[in-house]
Protein backbone atom coordinates (compact mmCIF):
# COMPACT_ATOMS: atom_id res chain seq x y z
CA MET A 1 230.92 -16.83 -47.46
CA GLU A 2 231.43 -14.31 -50.20
CA LYS A 3 235.06 -13.14 -50.03
CA SER A 4 234.23 -9.41 -50.29
CA ASN A 5 232.09 -9.60 -47.14
CA VAL A 6 234.71 -11.26 -44.93
CA ILE A 7 237.93 -10.33 -43.24
CA GLU A 8 240.60 -13.00 -43.09
CA LEU A 9 243.58 -12.46 -40.79
CA GLU A 10 246.45 -14.78 -39.93
CA GLY A 11 249.58 -14.51 -37.80
CA SER A 12 250.68 -13.27 -34.41
CA MET A 13 248.56 -10.87 -32.35
CA GLU A 14 250.81 -8.00 -33.44
CA LYS A 15 250.50 -8.92 -37.12
CA ILE A 16 246.70 -9.24 -36.94
CA VAL A 17 246.34 -5.94 -35.09
CA LEU A 18 248.57 -4.28 -37.70
CA GLN A 19 246.44 -5.76 -40.51
CA LEU A 20 243.25 -4.51 -38.86
CA GLY A 21 244.77 -1.07 -38.47
CA GLN A 22 246.00 -0.79 -42.03
CA ALA A 23 243.06 -2.34 -43.79
CA GLU A 24 240.21 -1.16 -41.61
CA GLY A 25 241.48 1.87 -39.69
CA ILE A 26 241.25 0.33 -36.22
CA THR A 27 243.68 1.51 -33.53
CA GLU A 28 246.19 -0.96 -32.07
CA GLU A 29 244.47 -0.91 -28.67
CA ASP A 30 241.04 -1.53 -30.22
CA GLY A 31 242.43 -4.27 -32.46
CA LYS A 32 243.65 -6.11 -29.37
CA LYS A 33 240.25 -5.56 -27.70
CA ILE A 34 238.51 -7.10 -30.71
CA ILE A 35 240.76 -10.19 -30.81
CA ASN A 36 240.55 -10.69 -27.02
CA PHE A 37 236.77 -10.31 -27.09
CA LEU A 38 236.47 -12.85 -29.91
CA GLU A 39 238.69 -15.30 -28.04
CA LYS A 40 236.47 -15.12 -24.95
CA ASN A 41 233.12 -14.98 -26.80
CA LEU A 42 233.29 -17.50 -29.64
CA GLN A 43 229.50 -17.88 -29.52
CA ILE A 44 229.22 -14.52 -31.31
CA LEU A 45 230.54 -16.21 -34.47
CA SER A 46 228.23 -17.90 -36.95
CA ASP A 47 228.92 -21.43 -38.20
CA ASP A 48 230.86 -20.17 -41.23
CA GLU A 49 233.17 -17.89 -39.22
CA THR A 50 236.44 -19.07 -37.65
CA PHE A 51 238.68 -18.08 -34.77
CA ARG A 52 241.70 -20.24 -33.94
CA LYS A 53 244.58 -19.64 -31.56
CA VAL A 54 247.48 -22.07 -31.74
CA LYS A 55 250.63 -22.06 -29.61
CA GLN A 56 253.75 -21.50 -31.69
CA ARG A 57 256.57 -23.95 -31.36
CA ASN A 58 259.56 -22.35 -29.70
CA LEU A 59 262.20 -22.92 -32.36
CA GLY A 60 264.77 -20.56 -30.93
CA LEU A 61 267.35 -21.08 -28.26
CA GLY A 62 267.13 -19.77 -24.79
CA TYR A 63 264.31 -18.38 -22.82
CA ALA A 64 261.93 -16.86 -25.34
CA LEU A 65 258.34 -17.19 -24.27
CA PRO A 66 256.14 -19.12 -26.66
CA GLY A 67 253.74 -17.01 -28.68
CA TYR A 68 250.48 -17.75 -30.43
CA GLU A 69 249.38 -17.79 -34.03
CA TYR A 70 245.83 -16.72 -34.82
CA TYR A 71 243.53 -17.40 -37.71
CA VAL A 72 240.46 -15.16 -37.89
CA ASN A 73 237.86 -15.36 -40.64
CA ILE A 74 234.84 -13.20 -39.80
CA LYS A 75 232.09 -11.38 -41.65
CA ILE A 76 232.37 -7.63 -41.95
CA THR A 77 228.99 -7.42 -40.21
CA THR A 78 230.43 -9.27 -37.20
CA LEU A 79 233.29 -6.76 -37.14
CA ALA A 80 230.69 -3.96 -37.24
CA ILE A 81 228.90 -5.43 -34.24
CA LEU A 82 232.20 -5.69 -32.36
CA ILE A 83 233.13 -2.10 -33.23
CA PHE A 84 229.84 -0.86 -31.80
CA ILE A 85 229.88 -3.16 -28.75
CA LEU A 86 233.46 -2.30 -27.83
CA ASP A 87 233.08 1.39 -28.78
CA CYS A 88 236.19 1.26 -30.98
CA ASN A 89 237.83 4.32 -32.44
CA VAL A 90 237.94 3.82 -36.20
CA THR A 91 239.35 5.84 -39.06
CA GLY A 92 239.82 5.42 -42.76
CA GLY A 93 236.16 5.13 -43.74
CA ILE A 94 235.45 1.71 -42.26
CA LEU A 95 232.06 2.87 -40.97
CA SER A 96 230.95 3.93 -44.44
CA LYS A 97 232.32 0.69 -45.94
CA ILE A 98 230.45 -1.42 -43.37
CA SER A 99 227.36 0.75 -43.68
CA SER A 100 227.18 0.36 -47.44
CA LEU A 101 227.65 -3.40 -47.19
CA VAL A 102 224.86 -3.79 -44.66
CA GLY A 103 222.54 -1.18 -46.16
CA ILE A 104 222.76 1.55 -43.53
CA THR A 105 222.59 5.10 -44.84
CA GLU A 106 224.85 7.83 -43.46
CA ASN A 107 222.13 9.11 -41.15
CA GLY A 108 221.62 5.55 -39.95
CA ILE A 109 225.05 5.33 -38.32
CA PHE A 110 224.59 5.39 -34.59
CA ARG A 111 226.57 5.67 -31.41
CA MET A 112 225.91 3.35 -28.50
CA LYS A 113 225.15 5.08 -25.23
CA GLU A 114 227.07 3.16 -22.57
CA GLU A 115 225.50 5.00 -19.64
CA SER A 116 221.95 4.21 -20.81
CA GLY A 117 222.60 0.45 -20.97
CA GLU A 118 222.55 0.28 -24.79
CA ARG A 119 226.04 -1.19 -25.21
CA CYS A 120 225.28 -3.86 -22.61
CA ILE A 121 222.01 -4.87 -24.27
CA LEU A 122 223.53 -4.92 -27.77
CA LYS A 123 226.45 -7.01 -26.50
CA GLU A 124 224.16 -9.52 -24.81
CA LEU A 125 221.92 -9.65 -27.88
CA ALA A 126 224.94 -10.28 -30.13
CA LEU A 127 226.09 -13.12 -27.87
CA GLN A 128 222.79 -14.98 -28.29
CA LYS A 129 222.81 -17.98 -30.64
CA LYS A 130 220.60 -16.35 -33.30
CA LYS A 131 221.58 -12.79 -32.35
CA GLN A 132 218.07 -12.26 -31.03
CA GLY A 133 216.35 -11.83 -27.70
CA ASP A 134 213.52 -10.21 -25.83
CA LYS A 135 212.90 -8.28 -22.62
CA SER A 136 214.07 -11.28 -20.55
CA LEU A 137 217.59 -11.02 -22.02
CA LEU A 138 219.21 -10.30 -18.63
CA ARG A 139 217.09 -12.69 -16.53
CA LYS A 140 219.73 -15.45 -16.51
CA PHE A 141 222.11 -13.18 -14.56
CA LYS A 142 219.70 -13.02 -11.58
CA GLY A 143 220.46 -9.39 -10.75
CA GLU A 144 224.23 -9.63 -11.13
CA CYS A 145 225.87 -7.16 -13.49
CA CYS A 146 226.97 -9.05 -16.60
CA ASN A 147 229.10 -6.25 -18.03
CA ASN A 148 230.67 -4.57 -15.04
CA ASP A 149 233.31 -2.96 -17.25
CA LEU A 150 230.62 -0.63 -18.63
CA LYS A 151 229.48 2.55 -16.91
CA CYS A 152 225.74 2.05 -16.86
CA CYS A 153 222.97 3.87 -14.99
CA TYR A 154 221.44 0.50 -14.02
CA ARG A 155 224.53 -0.75 -12.17
CA SER A 156 225.18 -0.18 -8.50
CA ASP A 157 227.73 -2.11 -6.43
CA GLU A 158 228.11 -4.90 -9.04
CA LYS A 159 224.32 -5.39 -9.10
CA CYS A 160 222.16 -4.78 -12.15
CA TYR A 161 218.88 -2.98 -11.66
CA CYS A 162 217.83 -3.04 -15.31
CA ARG A 163 214.26 -4.34 -15.32
CA GLU A 164 212.56 -6.14 -18.17
CA GLU A 165 210.66 -2.92 -18.96
CA ASP A 166 214.01 -1.11 -19.31
CA VAL A 167 215.36 -3.80 -21.63
CA GLU A 168 212.16 -3.55 -23.70
CA LYS A 169 212.60 0.25 -24.01
CA ILE A 170 216.20 -0.16 -25.16
CA LEU A 171 215.23 -2.85 -27.69
CA PHE A 172 212.40 -0.64 -28.94
CA SER A 173 214.85 2.27 -29.38
CA PHE A 174 217.10 -0.10 -31.37
CA GLU A 175 214.14 -1.02 -33.54
CA LYS A 176 213.42 2.65 -34.28
CA ARG A 177 217.07 3.08 -35.37
CA ASN A 178 216.97 -0.10 -37.53
CA ILE A 179 219.56 -1.87 -35.41
CA VAL A 180 217.12 -4.68 -34.68
CA LYS A 181 213.92 -5.94 -36.23
CA LYS A 182 211.06 -7.27 -34.14
CA LYS A 183 209.88 -10.77 -35.05
CA GLY A 184 207.00 -11.73 -32.78
CA THR A 185 208.26 -11.03 -29.25
CA LYS A 186 211.96 -11.29 -30.21
CA TYR A 187 214.27 -8.61 -31.54
CA GLN A 188 216.97 -9.66 -34.00
CA ILE A 189 220.11 -7.75 -34.91
CA GLN A 190 219.83 -6.54 -38.50
CA PHE A 191 223.42 -6.25 -39.64
C-alpha cells in the first residue's frame, strides 16, 4: 500500500483514539466506535490491511487490570467508509482530505440517511468480501433486523421489512450519487 493512502496506528485504545483525533479530527467517542467496529468486523478489511489486538503483559505490582495493545493499518478509503457507516462527527478537514484522495468533489460529499435504510445497506455492502452486492443483500438475515442499533423505517419489533425492491432503490440512489457503481447486477462501493 502506498504510505500516503494509509493510516497506521499503534498503542493502547486511548493512544489510538488520541492519534485519530489529532491527525484526522475524529472525536474520542467516534474513535472508540471505529476501533470497536473494526475489531468485530474484520471482514471489512482488504488483504493488505491489518488489525491486531494483543493483551499487554501486566508488568506492575498489584491489581492492575491487563490492557491491550492495538496495531491498525488501514486505507484512508476504509476509514471513509467507517466514518459514513458509523455517522462519525469529524472536524479538521478530514472529509475534504478523503474526498480528494478518492476523487469526490465537494458537491459529491453525502450524508447517510439512517431512517431511510441507507446506513444499513452501505454497512452491509461494505462488509461483503468484494464490497459489492445486489438487491438480495439482506436475504441471509431471513427477516431479522441485522442492524438493530439503527433507527430505520423498515424495522419494527426487531424484524426487518426491507424488501428486495427497497434495497434496489437504495442501491440505485447510491449509484446516482457515485457511492457505488453497477457492474452487471451487482453494485460495488467506489471509494
